[in-house]
């Protein structure tokens, strides 16, 4: 915060509500926001003009792009992402991203314009009751109709968004409140009555959990995004190395534990590793850290880890016991809890138990991985493209993915050597997430390589954000894994609907030409012999680059746990 604005916040300058909003954002440490102007938010945009040297606004091409870019920014930076839109359609275009952020625990502050308070409820032009629309998908929301309330609301919004289990909040700001004058005094929010964002497990629960871990012969740890959100990656590694426990991750937990660590056993879930899934049903103690036992991880709950004593480390009390009843509940922050546990447990090794995972890996390698990474014939496979790029970047890149087959290939075959290197849409499964989220990730980490793996279907949902990438100069590397199908839906149609490919084949445009129209370099790769050179050209190019890779049209992602099946019922082939 500049000395001038700090003085204004302390002395109470008389300013418009719009200026109070902008100054409050600066006071909260906001450096970047993503948005799209319109009539009901125009006073705020006028106020943004006065702080354009200290507060960067990125003009997206669609409000959905704004919220997804804010998500990517938040996930990589660890800060609260901020997006802004006008009333009515502008506000409702944020809804998908808000819902995505809520289920994936992404801290956002979303600001929407609203019609003047005197016409609220009259169906005025571009009026939508966005507060009630977003009530089920935000941690907190409010409507501001008086300028004097804005600073307090902003401070509260940021506090709620970033503390406890992070999530999205929304402030709806009527146009007359933006214009009205108020004395600006900003005070950070440090508590909200009845909201307790921090929890510490009891000593008794920690001791009970440590005793279970020490007594286990087949302990198993599954790390979720809570590890990353708490900054607990180092604590997780230290705990695993002391106890010798094998570590798997959920989809959103990827990069919380290094892919090639000797204790890493891969990803769990519908398209996770064979061993990581089946060994869930043979472990004797299951330590779940910062994950919520969603259906894509557990399959049939009635057949999930029934033999195991479950230790659940989770900050959100509502998730404890919701799907899986734990033997020991550790209600607390993942990093702090792992650090406490590490002091209590005894040094162990579990080589024979770990060898069982490696035996499963050998089966998977023979039946799945070998053909995916080094096919004897046919066209390029998604897995080999992802693997080649992972090798070329030495596992140092931030991998952003959209939703579909390519997402699972990116999760399975990337090498995550650094923390905070995986960004994807998990719980909501939002197609169109990838491109704007990659933009946000690159803005947050301009010195890191950002690779966006996107399917041809998802790319066409938000490809207009190529314009934002061009205007910002963000050097995002875009890899379209192009099979001319809605690939994941087609896979289900093949396996479960007798190959009745109903409305999943796509007649695609030339994506390289589209990128060229936006001033973005690109190459089309149709054969294996051209792949390595194209990857090198993409990574060497100083700016944004689009690689359109033609892959096998009817290739499937395996292993696969069918919907509602047990995690032991893993398909390794069709």
Protein backbone atom coordinates (compact mmCIF):
# COMPACT_ATOMS: atom_id res chain seq x y z
CA UNK A 1 0.00 0.00 0.00
CA UNK A 2 1.46 3.35 -1.03
CA UNK A 3 2.16 6.00 1.65
CA UNK A 4 -0.46 8.26 0.07
CA UNK A 5 -3.19 5.62 0.21
CA UNK A 6 -2.12 4.57 3.72
CA UNK A 7 -2.53 8.14 4.89
CA UNK A 8 -5.93 8.36 3.19
CA UNK A 9 -7.05 5.15 4.90
CA UNK A 10 -6.01 6.50 8.29
CA UNK A 11 -7.39 10.02 8.02
CA UNK A 12 -10.70 9.27 6.40
CA UNK A 13 -10.69 11.15 3.08
CA UNK A 14 -14.11 11.85 1.59
CA UNK A 15 -14.31 9.59 -1.48
CA UNK A 16 -16.88 7.81 -3.62
CA UNK A 17 -17.91 4.27 -2.79
CA UNK A 18 -16.14 3.10 -5.94
CA UNK A 19 -12.90 4.72 -4.81
CA UNK A 20 -13.36 3.22 -1.36
CA UNK A 21 -13.63 -0.21 -2.97
CA UNK A 22 -10.49 0.25 -5.02
CA UNK A 23 -8.52 1.63 -2.07
CA UNK A 24 -9.74 -1.27 0.07
CA UNK A 25 -8.44 -3.74 -2.50
CA UNK A 26 -5.05 -2.04 -2.45
CA UNK A 27 -5.10 -2.05 1.35
CA UNK A 28 -5.72 -5.80 1.29
CA UNK A 29 -2.60 -6.28 -0.82
CA UNK A 30 -4.29 -6.97 -4.14
CA UNK A 31 -1.88 -6.52 -7.03
CA UNK A 32 -3.83 -8.09 -9.89
CA UNK A 33 -7.49 -8.53 -10.72
CA UNK A 34 -9.29 -9.97 -13.72
CA UNK A 35 -12.45 -8.43 -15.06
CA UNK A 36 -14.80 -7.15 -17.71
CA UNK A 37 -16.53 -3.74 -17.48
CA UNK A 38 -20.18 -2.89 -17.94
CA UNK A 39 -22.78 -0.30 -17.03
CA UNK A 40 -23.47 -1.25 -13.42
CA UNK A 41 -19.78 -1.46 -12.47
CA UNK A 42 -18.57 1.55 -14.47
CA UNK A 43 -17.90 3.85 -11.49
CA UNK A 44 -15.51 1.23 -10.11
CA UNK A 45 -13.73 1.03 -13.45
CA UNK A 46 -13.38 4.81 -13.42
CA UNK A 47 -11.80 4.55 -9.96
CA UNK A 48 -9.46 1.82 -11.20
CA UNK A 49 -8.03 4.32 -13.67
CA UNK A 50 -6.56 6.29 -10.77
CA UNK A 51 -4.58 3.32 -9.43
CA UNK A 52 -3.55 1.75 -12.73
CA UNK A 53 0.12 2.04 -11.81
CA UNK A 54 -0.25 0.02 -8.60
CA UNK A 55 -3.22 -2.26 -9.27
CA UNK A 56 -3.07 -4.30 -12.47
CA UNK A 57 -6.39 -5.01 -14.13
CA UNK A 58 -6.41 -7.72 -16.80
CA UNK A 59 -9.21 -7.39 -19.33
CA UNK A 60 -10.52 -10.85 -20.20
CA UNK A 61 -12.76 -11.67 -23.15
CA UNK A 62 -15.57 -13.27 -21.12
CA UNK A 63 -16.47 -13.13 -17.44
CA UNK A 64 -16.02 -16.89 -17.13
CA UNK A 65 -12.44 -16.29 -18.20
CA UNK A 66 -12.08 -13.74 -15.38
CA UNK A 67 -13.10 -16.13 -12.62
CA UNK A 68 -11.07 -19.06 -13.96
CA UNK A 69 -8.02 -16.83 -14.38
CA UNK A 70 -8.49 -15.64 -10.80
CA UNK A 71 -8.63 -19.30 -9.74
CA UNK A 72 -5.38 -20.12 -11.54
CA UNK A 73 -3.76 -17.06 -10.00
CA UNK A 74 -4.93 -18.00 -6.50
CA UNK A 75 -3.90 -21.64 -6.78
CA UNK A 76 -0.35 -20.78 -7.84
CA UNK A 77 0.29 -17.60 -5.84
CA UNK A 78 -1.36 -18.68 -2.59
CA UNK A 79 -3.07 -15.28 -2.52
CA UNK A 80 -6.76 -14.47 -2.84
CA UNK A 81 -7.79 -14.25 -6.49
CA UNK A 82 -9.96 -11.28 -7.44
CA UNK A 83 -12.38 -10.90 -10.33
CA UNK A 84 -14.89 -8.21 -11.21
CA UNK A 85 -17.93 -8.07 -13.47
CA UNK A 86 -21.03 -6.04 -14.11
CA UNK A 87 -24.60 -6.92 -13.13
CA UNK A 88 -26.98 -9.40 -14.76
CA UNK A 89 -25.22 -11.50 -17.39
CA UNK A 90 -21.82 -10.33 -16.22
CA UNK A 91 -22.54 -11.64 -12.74
CA UNK A 92 -24.16 -14.87 -13.86
CA UNK A 93 -21.22 -15.61 -16.16
CA UNK A 94 -19.11 -15.88 -13.00
CA UNK A 95 -21.31 -18.56 -11.46
CA UNK A 96 -19.60 -21.64 -12.95
CA UNK A 97 -16.19 -20.50 -11.73
CA UNK A 98 -17.54 -19.60 -8.30
CA UNK A 99 -19.04 -23.08 -7.95
CA UNK A 100 -15.75 -24.57 -9.12
CA UNK A 101 -13.82 -22.53 -6.54
CA UNK A 102 -16.19 -23.53 -3.75
CA UNK A 103 -15.83 -27.27 -4.26
CA UNK A 104 -12.06 -27.02 -4.91
CA UNK A 105 -11.38 -24.71 -1.94
CA UNK A 106 -9.96 -21.81 -3.95
CA UNK A 107 -9.89 -18.38 -2.23
CA UNK A 108 -11.63 -15.77 -4.38
CA UNK A 109 -13.21 -12.37 -3.91
CA UNK A 110 -15.73 -11.77 -6.68
CA UNK A 111 -17.09 -8.25 -7.10
CA UNK A 112 -20.23 -7.61 -9.13
CA UNK A 113 -21.99 -4.43 -10.05
CA UNK A 114 -25.71 -4.13 -9.39
CA UNK A 115 -28.51 -1.81 -10.45
CA UNK A 116 -29.28 1.16 -8.20
CA UNK A 117 -30.93 0.28 -4.91
CA UNK A 118 -34.06 2.27 -5.75
CA UNK A 119 -34.91 -0.17 -8.58
CA UNK A 120 -33.86 -3.41 -6.90
CA UNK A 121 -36.55 -6.03 -7.37
CA UNK A 122 -38.20 -4.28 -10.34
CA UNK A 123 -36.56 -6.41 -13.05
CA UNK A 124 -34.54 -3.40 -14.12
CA UNK A 125 -32.20 -3.67 -17.09
CA UNK A 126 -29.47 -6.24 -16.36
CA UNK A 127 -30.74 -6.94 -12.85
CA UNK A 128 -30.18 -10.41 -11.39
CA UNK A 129 -30.37 -11.35 -7.73
CA UNK A 130 -26.81 -12.66 -7.72
CA UNK A 131 -26.67 -12.82 -3.91
CA UNK A 132 -29.36 -15.49 -3.81
CA UNK A 133 -28.02 -17.15 -6.96
CA UNK A 134 -24.60 -17.62 -5.37
CA UNK A 135 -25.64 -18.26 -1.76
CA UNK A 136 -25.16 -22.07 -2.05
CA UNK A 137 -21.76 -21.77 -3.78
CA UNK A 138 -19.95 -19.14 -1.69
CA UNK A 139 -18.47 -19.13 1.81
CA UNK A 140 -20.12 -15.75 2.32
CA UNK A 141 -21.73 -13.07 0.19
CA UNK A 142 -23.38 -9.71 0.68
CA UNK A 143 -24.94 -6.80 -1.12
CA UNK A 144 -23.66 -3.26 -0.50
CA UNK A 145 -26.23 -0.49 -0.83
CA UNK A 146 -24.36 2.18 1.19
CA UNK A 147 -20.89 3.48 0.43
CA UNK A 148 -19.99 3.57 4.12
CA UNK A 149 -20.20 -0.22 4.31
CA UNK A 150 -17.78 -1.07 1.54
CA UNK A 151 -14.42 -1.04 3.36
CA UNK A 152 -15.64 -3.26 6.18
CA UNK A 153 -17.24 -5.67 3.69
CA UNK A 154 -14.04 -5.95 1.64
CA UNK A 155 -11.93 -6.61 4.73
CA UNK A 156 -14.36 -9.29 5.90
CA UNK A 157 -14.50 -10.84 2.43
CA UNK A 158 -10.73 -11.30 2.23
CA UNK A 159 -10.54 -12.66 5.76
CA UNK A 160 -13.24 -15.27 5.10
CA UNK A 161 -11.90 -16.21 1.66
CA UNK A 162 -8.35 -16.96 2.80
CA UNK A 163 -8.81 -18.40 6.30
CA UNK A 164 -9.92 -21.86 7.36
CA UNK A 165 -10.88 -23.96 4.36
CA UNK A 166 -10.46 -21.35 1.60
CA UNK A 167 -13.27 -20.53 -0.77
CA UNK A 168 -15.05 -17.87 -2.81
CA UNK A 169 -16.93 -14.86 -1.46
CA UNK A 170 -18.98 -12.35 -3.43
CA UNK A 171 -19.72 -8.66 -2.93
CA UNK A 172 -22.60 -7.24 -4.94
CA UNK A 173 -22.29 -3.44 -5.17
CA UNK A 174 -25.25 -1.26 -6.19
CA UNK A 175 -24.48 1.55 -8.59
CA UNK A 176 -25.73 4.33 -6.30
CA UNK A 177 -23.48 3.05 -3.50
CA UNK A 178 -20.55 3.25 -5.91
CA UNK A 179 -21.30 6.93 -6.53
CA UNK A 180 -22.24 7.97 -2.99
CA UNK A 181 -19.55 9.72 -0.92
CA UNK A 182 -18.12 8.28 2.29
CA UNK A 183 -15.21 8.74 4.68
CA UNK A 184 -12.65 6.09 3.79
CA UNK A 185 -11.02 4.33 6.72
CA UNK A 186 -9.80 0.77 6.17
CA UNK A 187 -9.12 -1.69 8.96
CA UNK A 188 -8.15 -5.32 8.23
CA UNK A 189 -10.56 -7.95 9.55
CA UNK A 190 -9.00 -10.30 12.09
CA UNK A 191 -12.07 -12.17 13.33
CA UNK A 192 -15.75 -12.74 12.63
CA UNK A 193 -18.11 -13.69 15.41
CA UNK A 194 -19.07 -17.40 15.33
CA UNK A 195 -16.52 -18.11 12.58
CA UNK A 196 -13.60 -20.17 13.89
CA UNK A 197 -11.25 -20.88 10.98
CA UNK A 198 -8.44 -22.55 12.92
CA UNK A 199 -8.54 -25.82 14.81
CA UNK A 200 -5.91 -27.83 16.68
CA UNK A 201 -6.38 -31.57 17.29
CA UNK A 202 -6.45 -32.66 20.90
CA UNK A 203 -3.36 -34.24 22.41
CA UNK A 204 -5.37 -37.37 23.11
CA UNK A 205 -6.44 -37.70 19.46
CA UNK A 206 -2.87 -37.11 18.25
CA UNK A 207 -1.54 -39.74 20.66
CA UNK A 208 -4.20 -42.22 19.54
CA UNK A 209 -3.36 -41.61 15.89
CA UNK A 210 0.38 -42.01 16.53
CA UNK A 211 -0.23 -45.31 18.33
CA UNK A 212 -2.26 -46.60 15.38
CA UNK A 213 0.48 -45.59 12.94
CA UNK A 214 3.24 -47.16 15.05
CA UNK A 215 1.28 -50.38 15.35
CA UNK A 216 0.42 -50.66 11.67
CA UNK A 217 2.02 -53.23 9.37
CA UNK A 218 0.42 -51.84 6.21
CA UNK A 219 -0.06 -48.08 6.75
CA UNK A 220 -1.09 -45.97 3.78
CA UNK A 221 -1.35 -42.18 3.42
CA UNK A 222 -3.49 -40.32 0.88
CA UNK A 223 -2.68 -36.63 0.53
CA UNK A 224 -5.23 -34.17 -0.77
CA UNK A 225 -5.17 -30.50 -1.66
CA UNK A 226 -5.30 -29.58 2.02
CA UNK A 227 -1.57 -30.33 2.15
CA UNK A 228 -0.87 -27.69 -0.50
CA UNK A 229 -3.32 -25.18 0.94
CA UNK A 230 -1.60 -25.41 4.32
CA UNK A 231 1.90 -25.21 2.85
CA UNK A 232 2.48 -28.67 4.27
CA UNK A 233 4.55 -30.29 1.52
CA UNK A 234 7.80 -30.38 3.52
CA UNK A 235 5.94 -31.65 6.58
CA UNK A 236 4.40 -34.44 4.51
CA UNK A 237 7.79 -35.53 3.15
CA UNK A 238 9.33 -35.48 6.62
CA UNK A 239 6.46 -37.51 8.09
CA UNK A 240 6.57 -40.07 5.29
CA UNK A 241 10.32 -40.52 5.49
CA UNK A 242 10.21 -41.01 9.26
CA UNK A 243 7.36 -43.53 9.19
CA UNK A 244 8.16 -45.23 5.87
CA UNK A 245 4.49 -44.98 4.91
CA UNK A 246 3.62 -45.18 1.17
CA UNK A 247 2.05 -41.93 -0.06
CA UNK A 248 -0.59 -41.49 -2.74
CA UNK A 249 -2.31 -38.26 -3.74
CA UNK A 250 -5.72 -37.27 -4.94
CA UNK A 251 -6.09 -35.41 -8.24
CA UNK A 252 -5.96 -32.05 -6.44
CA UNK A 253 -3.19 -33.30 -4.18
CA UNK A 254 -0.81 -33.79 -7.11
CA UNK A 255 2.56 -32.03 -6.60
CA UNK A 256 2.12 -32.06 -2.81
CA UNK A 257 4.48 -35.07 -2.82
CA UNK A 258 7.22 -35.50 -5.46
CA UNK A 259 6.23 -37.95 -8.18
CA UNK A 260 9.57 -39.75 -8.10
CA UNK A 261 10.05 -39.91 -4.35
CA UNK A 262 10.80 -43.52 -3.30
CA UNK A 263 7.65 -43.57 -1.14
CA UNK A 264 5.34 -42.18 -3.83
CA UNK A 265 2.81 -44.70 -5.13
CA UNK A 266 0.90 -42.41 -7.50
CA UNK A 267 -2.59 -41.00 -7.73
CA UNK A 268 -5.77 -42.60 -6.41
CA UNK A 269 -9.14 -42.26 -8.08
CA UNK A 270 -11.09 -43.33 -11.12
CA UNK A 271 -8.05 -43.16 -13.41
CA UNK A 272 -5.38 -43.43 -10.74
CA UNK A 273 -2.65 -46.01 -10.37
CA UNK A 274 -3.66 -49.66 -10.17
CA UNK A 275 -1.74 -50.29 -6.96
CA UNK A 276 -2.74 -47.00 -5.36
CA UNK A 277 -6.38 -47.98 -5.72
CA UNK A 278 -6.41 -51.70 -4.92
CA UNK A 279 -4.11 -51.37 -1.91
CA UNK A 280 -6.66 -49.05 -0.31
CA UNK A 281 -8.63 -52.21 0.37
CA UNK A 282 -5.72 -54.12 1.92
CA UNK A 283 -4.06 -51.49 4.14
CA UNK A 284 -4.62 -51.75 7.89
CA UNK A 285 -4.31 -48.03 8.70
CA UNK A 286 -5.40 -45.37 6.22
CA UNK A 287 -4.18 -41.82 6.92
CA UNK A 288 -6.23 -39.31 4.92
CA UNK A 289 -4.70 -35.82 4.99
CA UNK A 290 -6.57 -32.80 3.64
CA UNK A 291 -8.93 -34.77 1.42
CA UNK A 292 -12.67 -35.28 1.52
CA UNK A 293 -13.28 -38.87 0.33
CA UNK A 294 -15.20 -37.81 -2.78
CA UNK A 295 -16.84 -40.45 -4.95
CA UNK A 296 -14.12 -40.36 -7.64
CA UNK A 297 -11.63 -41.47 -4.97
CA UNK A 298 -13.75 -43.98 -3.04
CA UNK A 299 -16.00 -45.61 -5.62
CA UNK A 300 -18.60 -47.65 -3.75
CA UNK A 301 -18.38 -46.45 -0.15
CA UNK A 302 -19.78 -49.75 1.11
CA UNK A 303 -16.67 -51.47 -0.27
CA UNK A 304 -14.07 -48.81 0.51
CA UNK A 305 -11.30 -49.53 3.03
CA UNK A 306 -13.64 -51.49 5.27
CA UNK A 307 -10.69 -53.36 6.82
CA UNK A 308 -8.73 -50.22 7.70
CA UNK A 309 -8.61 -48.02 10.77
CA UNK A 310 -8.99 -44.55 9.25
CA UNK A 311 -7.21 -41.45 10.56
CA UNK A 312 -8.73 -38.34 8.98
CA UNK A 313 -6.77 -35.08 9.11
CA UNK A 314 -9.10 -32.32 7.94
CA UNK A 315 -9.61 -28.62 8.64
CA UNK A 316 -13.27 -28.57 7.60
CA UNK A 317 -15.19 -30.32 10.37
CA UNK A 318 -18.17 -30.92 8.07
CA UNK A 319 -16.04 -33.28 5.96
CA UNK A 320 -15.05 -35.50 8.88
CA UNK A 321 -17.31 -38.53 8.93
CA UNK A 322 -19.42 -37.26 6.02
CA UNK A 323 -18.49 -40.13 3.70
CA UNK A 324 -16.06 -42.33 5.65
CA UNK A 325 -16.25 -42.70 9.42
CA UNK A 326 -12.76 -42.35 10.94
CA UNK A 327 -11.36 -44.26 13.86
CA UNK A 328 -9.49 -41.08 14.80
CA UNK A 329 -10.55 -37.60 13.72
CA UNK A 330 -7.81 -34.96 13.69
CA UNK A 331 -9.62 -31.69 13.16
CA UNK A 332 -6.88 -29.28 12.18
CA UNK A 333 -4.55 -27.78 9.62
CA UNK A 334 -2.71 -30.40 7.55
CA UNK A 335 0.78 -28.96 8.01
CA UNK A 336 0.45 -28.36 11.73
CA UNK A 337 -1.10 -31.77 12.33
CA UNK A 338 1.58 -33.60 10.34
CA UNK A 339 4.27 -31.75 12.28
CA UNK A 340 2.69 -32.75 15.60
CA UNK A 341 2.34 -36.36 14.48
CA UNK A 342 5.93 -36.50 13.25
CA UNK A 343 7.14 -35.79 16.78
CA UNK A 344 5.01 -38.59 18.22
CA UNK A 345 5.56 -41.48 15.80
CA UNK A 346 8.51 -43.85 15.80
CA UNK A 347 10.93 -44.28 12.88
CA UNK A 348 9.82 -47.22 10.75
CA UNK A 349 10.24 -48.82 7.36
CA UNK A 350 7.71 -50.89 5.46
CA UNK A 351 9.72 -52.33 2.59
CA UNK A 352 7.65 -55.48 2.14
CA UNK A 353 4.42 -53.47 2.09
CA UNK A 354 5.87 -50.97 -0.38
CA UNK A 355 6.98 -53.87 -2.57
CA UNK A 356 3.32 -54.87 -2.97
CA UNK A 357 2.65 -51.49 -4.62
CA UNK A 358 5.64 -51.97 -6.91
CA UNK A 359 4.35 -55.39 -7.94
CA UNK A 360 1.08 -53.73 -8.92
CA UNK A 361 3.05 -51.12 -10.84
CA UNK A 362 4.71 -53.88 -12.85
CA UNK A 363 1.31 -55.25 -13.84
CA UNK A 364 0.12 -51.78 -14.83
CA UNK A 365 3.29 -51.11 -16.78
CA UNK A 366 2.81 -54.28 -18.79
CA UNK A 367 -0.88 -53.85 -19.50
CA UNK A 368 -1.19 -50.06 -19.78
CA UNK A 369 1.88 -47.85 -19.49
CA UNK A 370 4.18 -49.54 -22.00
CA UNK A 371 1.70 -49.19 -24.87
CA UNK A 372 0.73 -45.68 -23.82
CA UNK A 373 4.27 -44.31 -23.67
CA UNK A 374 5.93 -46.42 -26.39
CA UNK A 375 3.22 -47.73 -28.71
CA UNK A 376 4.38 -50.22 -31.31
CA UNK A 377 2.03 -48.81 -33.94
CA UNK A 378 -0.71 -46.32 -34.57
CA UNK A 379 -0.92 -42.63 -33.89
CA UNK A 380 0.30 -40.57 -30.99
CA UNK A 381 -1.12 -41.29 -27.55
CA UNK A 382 -1.98 -38.62 -25.02
CA UNK A 383 0.25 -40.20 -22.42
CA UNK A 384 3.35 -40.18 -24.58
CA UNK A 385 2.85 -36.50 -25.43
CA UNK A 386 2.50 -35.59 -21.75
CA UNK A 387 5.46 -37.77 -20.82
CA UNK A 388 7.72 -36.24 -23.50
CA UNK A 389 6.89 -32.73 -22.29
CA UNK A 390 7.41 -33.74 -18.64
CA UNK A 391 10.86 -35.07 -19.53
CA UNK A 392 11.68 -31.95 -21.54
CA UNK A 393 10.77 -29.70 -18.59
CA UNK A 394 12.36 -31.98 -15.95
CA UNK A 395 9.16 -31.89 -13.93
CA UNK A 396 9.66 -28.19 -13.16
CA UNK A 397 6.69 -26.80 -15.10
CA UNK A 398 3.31 -25.78 -13.73
CA UNK A 399 0.86 -28.17 -15.39
CA UNK A 400 -2.63 -26.76 -15.93
CA UNK A 401 -5.28 -29.00 -17.41
CA UNK A 402 -8.84 -28.71 -18.59
CA UNK A 403 -11.29 -31.60 -18.04
CA UNK A 404 -11.46 -34.91 -19.88
CA UNK A 405 -9.16 -37.65 -21.09
CA UNK A 406 -6.26 -35.26 -21.50
CA UNK A 407 -6.69 -34.21 -17.84
CA UNK A 408 -6.22 -37.79 -16.68
CA UNK A 409 -3.25 -38.26 -19.01
CA UNK A 410 -1.68 -35.06 -17.63
CA UNK A 411 -2.26 -36.26 -14.06
CA UNK A 412 -0.88 -39.74 -14.71
CA UNK A 413 2.16 -39.00 -16.84
CA UNK A 414 3.44 -35.63 -15.64
CA UNK A 415 6.45 -35.56 -13.33
CA UNK A 416 5.78 -33.18 -10.45
CA UNK A 417 9.20 -32.40 -9.02
CA UNK A 418 8.20 -29.07 -7.43
CA UNK A 419 5.37 -28.16 -5.13
CA UNK A 420 2.43 -26.07 -6.39
CA UNK A 421 2.82 -27.43 -9.91
CA UNK A 422 -0.63 -28.83 -10.68
CA UNK A 423 -3.76 -26.80 -11.39
CA UNK A 424 -6.97 -28.42 -12.59
CA UNK A 425 -10.71 -28.43 -12.03
CA UNK A 426 -11.49 -31.30 -9.69
CA UNK A 427 -14.86 -31.46 -7.96
CA UNK A 428 -16.92 -29.59 -10.53
CA UNK A 429 -15.06 -30.88 -13.60
CA UNK A 430 -15.39 -27.65 -15.56
CA UNK A 431 -14.61 -27.82 -19.27
CA UNK A 432 -13.21 -24.47 -20.39
CA UNK A 433 -11.24 -24.06 -17.15
CA UNK A 434 -7.81 -24.77 -18.63
CA UNK A 435 -6.92 -21.83 -20.86
CA UNK A 436 -7.93 -18.94 -18.55
CA UNK A 437 -6.59 -20.77 -15.49
CA UNK A 438 -3.24 -21.15 -17.26
CA UNK A 439 -3.24 -17.42 -17.93
CA UNK A 440 -3.83 -16.76 -14.23
CA UNK A 441 -1.11 -19.23 -13.27
CA UNK A 442 1.40 -17.53 -15.56
CA UNK A 443 0.52 -14.09 -14.18
CA UNK A 444 1.10 -15.46 -10.68
CA UNK A 445 4.41 -17.13 -11.59
CA UNK A 446 5.91 -15.29 -14.58
CA UNK A 447 9.31 -16.96 -14.12
CA UNK A 448 7.95 -20.52 -14.32
CA UNK A 449 7.01 -22.48 -17.43
CA UNK A 450 3.24 -23.00 -17.59
CA UNK A 451 1.98 -25.87 -19.75
CA UNK A 452 -1.76 -26.00 -20.45
CA UNK A 453 -2.99 -29.42 -21.57
CA UNK A 454 -6.42 -28.98 -23.13
CA UNK A 455 -8.76 -31.14 -25.20
CA UNK A 456 -10.21 -29.94 -28.47
CA UNK A 457 -13.64 -29.75 -26.86
CA UNK A 458 -12.73 -27.77 -23.77
CA UNK A 459 -10.46 -25.44 -25.74
CA UNK A 460 -13.37 -24.24 -27.84
CA UNK A 461 -15.34 -23.23 -24.75
CA UNK A 462 -12.96 -20.43 -23.75
CA UNK A 463 -10.56 -20.01 -26.69
CA UNK A 464 -11.40 -16.31 -26.82
CA UNK A 465 -8.98 -15.89 -23.93
CA UNK A 466 -6.22 -16.17 -26.53
CA UNK A 467 -6.98 -12.48 -26.91
CA UNK A 468 -6.20 -11.87 -23.25
CA UNK A 469 -3.01 -13.90 -23.53
CA UNK A 470 -1.99 -11.80 -26.51
CA UNK A 471 -2.78 -8.51 -24.79
CA UNK A 472 -0.96 -9.42 -21.56
CA UNK A 473 1.97 -11.10 -23.28
CA UNK A 474 1.64 -14.11 -20.97
CA UNK A 475 3.94 -16.84 -22.34
CA UNK A 476 1.55 -19.74 -21.81
CA UNK A 477 2.42 -22.97 -23.64
CA UNK A 478 -0.84 -24.47 -24.89
CA UNK A 479 -0.96 -28.14 -25.87
CA UNK A 480 -4.18 -29.31 -27.48
CA UNK A 481 -4.50 -33.10 -27.38
CA UNK A 482 -6.78 -33.32 -30.36
CA UNK A 483 -8.74 -36.50 -31.04
CA UNK A 484 -11.73 -34.83 -32.74
CA UNK A 485 -13.99 -36.26 -30.07
CA UNK A 486 -15.37 -35.33 -26.70
CA UNK A 487 -12.96 -38.01 -25.59
CA UNK A 488 -14.06 -38.93 -22.08
CA UNK A 489 -17.72 -39.08 -23.03
CA UNK A 490 -16.77 -41.18 -26.08
CA UNK A 491 -14.81 -43.55 -23.81
CA UNK A 492 -17.87 -44.11 -21.65
CA UNK A 493 -20.00 -44.59 -24.76
CA UNK A 494 -17.55 -47.25 -25.96
CA UNK A 495 -17.31 -49.10 -22.65
CA UNK A 496 -20.86 -48.79 -21.32
CA UNK A 497 -23.12 -47.79 -24.24
CA UNK A 498 -22.15 -50.31 -26.95
CA UNK A 499 -20.09 -47.79 -28.96
CA UNK A 500 -23.16 -45.69 -29.69
CA UNK A 501 -21.22 -42.45 -30.27
CA UNK A 502 -24.09 -40.06 -29.83
CA UNK A 503 -23.06 -36.46 -30.58
CA UNK A 504 -19.45 -36.72 -29.41
CA UNK A 505 -17.53 -36.48 -32.70
CA UNK A 506 -16.19 -32.99 -33.44
CA UNK A 507 -15.42 -31.31 -36.76
CA UNK A 508 -12.71 -28.96 -35.56
CA UNK A 509 -11.22 -25.81 -37.08
CA UNK A 510 -7.51 -25.25 -37.66
CA UNK A 511 -6.40 -24.25 -34.17
CA UNK A 512 -2.97 -23.11 -35.33
CA UNK A 513 -4.56 -20.64 -37.74
CA UNK A 514 -6.83 -19.38 -34.98
CA UNK A 515 -3.79 -18.84 -32.75
CA UNK A 516 -2.03 -17.06 -35.62
CA UNK A 517 -4.99 -14.70 -35.97
CA UNK A 518 -4.35 -13.72 -32.34
CA UNK A 519 -0.65 -13.25 -33.04
CA UNK A 520 0.32 -16.44 -31.21
CA UNK A 521 2.84 -18.83 -32.73
CA UNK A 522 1.94 -22.46 -33.19
CA UNK A 523 2.61 -25.81 -34.84
CA UNK A 524 0.48 -28.77 -35.79
CA UNK A 525 1.88 -32.21 -35.05
CA UNK A 526 0.31 -35.17 -36.82
CA UNK A 527 3.01 -37.82 -36.40
CA UNK A 528 5.45 -39.19 -33.86
CA UNK A 529 8.51 -38.19 -35.84
CA UNK A 530 7.70 -34.48 -35.50
CA UNK A 531 6.85 -34.45 -31.78
CA UNK A 532 10.26 -33.91 -30.19
CA UNK A 533 11.18 -31.04 -32.49
CA UNK A 534 7.82 -29.37 -31.95
CA UNK A 535 8.16 -29.62 -28.16
CA UNK A 536 11.62 -28.08 -28.34
CA UNK A 537 10.34 -25.25 -30.54
CA UNK A 538 7.44 -24.58 -28.15
CA UNK A 539 9.65 -24.45 -25.06
CA UNK A 540 12.30 -22.31 -26.78
CA UNK A 541 9.80 -19.75 -28.04
CA UNK A 542 9.86 -16.65 -25.81
CA UNK A 543 6.12 -15.98 -25.96
CA UNK A 544 2.85 -17.88 -25.94
CA UNK A 545 2.77 -20.94 -28.18
CA UNK A 546 0.06 -23.36 -29.31
CA UNK A 547 0.87 -26.98 -30.14
CA UNK A 548 -2.02 -28.82 -31.81
CA UNK A 549 -1.23 -32.52 -31.48
CA UNK A 550 -3.31 -35.07 -33.35
CA UNK A 551 -3.73 -38.14 -31.13
CA UNK A 552 -5.47 -41.49 -31.56
CA UNK A 553 -9.19 -40.90 -32.05
CA UNK A 554 -10.46 -43.87 -30.04
CA UNK A 555 -7.78 -44.40 -27.42
CA UNK A 556 -8.92 -44.87 -23.82
CA UNK A 557 -7.50 -43.85 -20.46
CA UNK A 558 -6.72 -46.83 -18.25
CA UNK A 559 -6.67 -47.95 -15.47
CA UNK A 560 -10.30 -47.13 -14.78
CA UNK A 561 -12.55 -47.75 -11.81
CA UNK A 562 -16.09 -47.81 -13.24
CA UNK A 563 -18.60 -45.49 -11.61
CA UNK A 564 -20.02 -46.90 -8.36
CA UNK A 565 -17.64 -49.89 -8.48
CA UNK A 566 -15.20 -50.82 -5.74
CA UNK A 567 -11.68 -49.41 -5.96
CA UNK A 568 -10.59 -53.06 -6.14
CA UNK A 569 -12.50 -53.51 -9.41
CA UNK A 570 -9.96 -51.77 -11.62
CA UNK A 571 -10.16 -52.15 -15.39
CA UNK A 572 -6.77 -52.32 -17.08
CA UNK A 573 -8.18 -52.76 -20.57
CA UNK A 574 -11.47 -52.63 -22.44
